């Protein structure tokens, strides 16, 4: 393997990791609030198609992004109303919403273009430009891997620190974590858990929408049916494995990006399309088992240490 081949592979891995990183951060906020966001796929899909349509009609990239974000927030508010006001099961509602948005986005595309496959040739969607980073772009190897990515990719990196700051350095973040750890205790001091859950999910949906729009307005300039391809579930897995840590979730998203890049490059050597399409999810499952096993062993070791310390204290008494 040549150095150029490796550089191209790593550049591709970073690009592939971008939407997974957004979903991982989206899931991190929900997990900090004590809930699992299983509706990320629907948030990404609706924002992806809405962003394309509005950016094409207005010929304004910012309007397209804001429209895509608002569409994601609107379906999230519907989800929150159903789950936290009407007391519908959150996870069943999330799965139903994912299925509904998969069909709804195809219907929207068909109504507006007459095509059920993609919007190419019907909507001239604007794209977020690629950015060359000064100084870094001139560094051998590193420059070719880290510079020249789409603007959404660099925004994803910024969002890591934004999410970390909100969760660990703001009053809102403190309330989200308090509700996540003990909603009854939080309610006893005047915090409304349903309100906090809704705020957390709305924030999460805004971040997930950027991942959806990366696919349709960054990597591509059109919407393709079911273009998220399960990235919402992979991002959710990354956040869960990382223990809802913003930095850890983002790093695991890159790991999954590398895994998917390996899958893409394996097409040169493996012709079984079904096996290749399953590879990212197989790798995700294996990593879940490995990291869960490590976490279980660490918990067992901690328990042994606590028992030993308690026994020693008892003997000293």
Foldseek 3Di string as FASTA:
>chain_A
DDLVVVLVLLLQLLLLLLLLLLLLLLQLLLVLLQHGQLQLLLLLLQLQLQLLAQCQVVVDNVRSLVRSLVRLLVVLVVLLCCCVVVVDPSVVSSVVSNVVSLVVSLVVCCVQCVDSFKCPPPGQFAAQAFAADPPQCPDPSSNSRPGRAGPSSVVSVVVLVVSVCCLPPDPLNVLSNVNSVPVVVSVVVPDDSSVSSSVSNSVSSSSSNSSSNCQCRNVHVMDGRSSCLCSSVLSSLLNVLQVSRSVSSSVVSSVLSSQLSCLVVCVVPDVPPVCSSCRSVVVSVVVSVVSVVVVVVVVVVVVVVVVVVVVVVVVVD
